[in-house]
Amino acid sequence: MVTFVLSIFSLIAIFYILALVVENHFVPSLENISQRLKLSSDISGATLMAAGSSAPELFVSFFALFRPSGEQALGAGTIVGSAIFNILVIIGASALYKKAKLTWQPVIRDLVFYSFTILLLLLTFSDGRITFLDASLFVALYGVYLLSFKQWKRLFPYEIIDTPFEDEVSTMSSRPKVLQYIERLLSRAFFNDKGIPQKHLYNFLLSVFYIAILSHFMVESAVHVAQFLNISSAVIGLTVLAAGTSIPDLLSSMHVAKRGRGDMAIANAVGSNIFDIAIGLGLPWLCILLTKPMLDVATENLLSSVFLLFATVIALLFLLIVRRWQIGRNAGLVLIALYVLYVIYQLKAIHPAL
């Protein structure tokens, strides 16, 4: 019982520290890097922000796979559950902050590649066995996605006018003193990058490093919770870890959405999903299959969620077309409500009596 309580407390603390790392260090450094590289908001959101804020899912997948006892379903469940969370909650929450008029060309591009990753995932999970070729296809698909940006813009010309980021008033003084102390203590683990552009990159890399460490302890805590409750690792991954590891994505998207970058928020959510599935699953699989001919993955509770991934794509595309590529508060509420229904579905899988 003591171990269970400590594990729950650890998960809550890790989720909070993850939020601080992203809100105070990851997003500001990313904004500066994007501006220095002169990246448009859709490309920045789909690449730098997506890869960086998806670091928890990638490291959870690595640590779960290479754990001595082997927790493949935990890592895969986290990736799949996080993908559902990203589309429904992250886009929904971003829409609640500020109505956005989206540029349809990059949104269609990302949804097309996202659909391909889901198809590949279904084919891979169909027999519950992963081969070196399967893993290679996932990584190769992400490479093709990155290379597609320039060609897609040639085929479907578009222009995104990025409005300057507006400075925000700090809310730190309104937080409890204990939380303020934790925030100040954490800031000492980063460089003071004010007026020093070169240090933005250092803080970005430090953020990813700290996220990796936190992810390790997150996996250990989640395994203890699953064992105590006597439920499968896949369910814990699909729900608790999926939401927890998506905190960086959620905060990143909400942060830029309320500052007028709706395209960046959408691109981050969909781009994160492409990264999560293609790299978050493909890269760890590829590494472990260098020494093994094949990898078995328990797909219980996973296949139905993968099918639901297709449903989220259809739901999002339908909303965007009906709303003429505008997404606002009502659409955001619909997406969040769909995620609540998904969580209820997963809870009923654990306790059918619910």
Foldseek 3Di string as FASTA:
>chain_A
DVLLVVLVVLLVVLLVVLLLLLQPAQLVLLVLVCVVVVPDLLLSLLPVLLVLLLLLLLLLCQLQCPPPVHQNLLSLLLLLLLLLCLLQQQLLLLQAQDKAFADVLSLVLLLVLLVVLLVLVLVQPVVQKDFLVSLVVLQVSVVVSNVCPVVSCVVPPDDDDDDDFDDDDDCLVVDDPVVNVVSVVVCVQADPCVVPSVRSVVSNVVSSVVSSVSSNSNSVSLVVNCVVLVHGSSLSSNPVSSVSSCSSLNSSLNVVSNRPSSSNNSSNSSSNSSCCSSVSNSVSVNVVNVPPRMDGHDCVVPSVSSVVSVVSSVLVVVVCVVVVRMRHNVSSVVSNVVVVVVNVVSVCVVPVVD
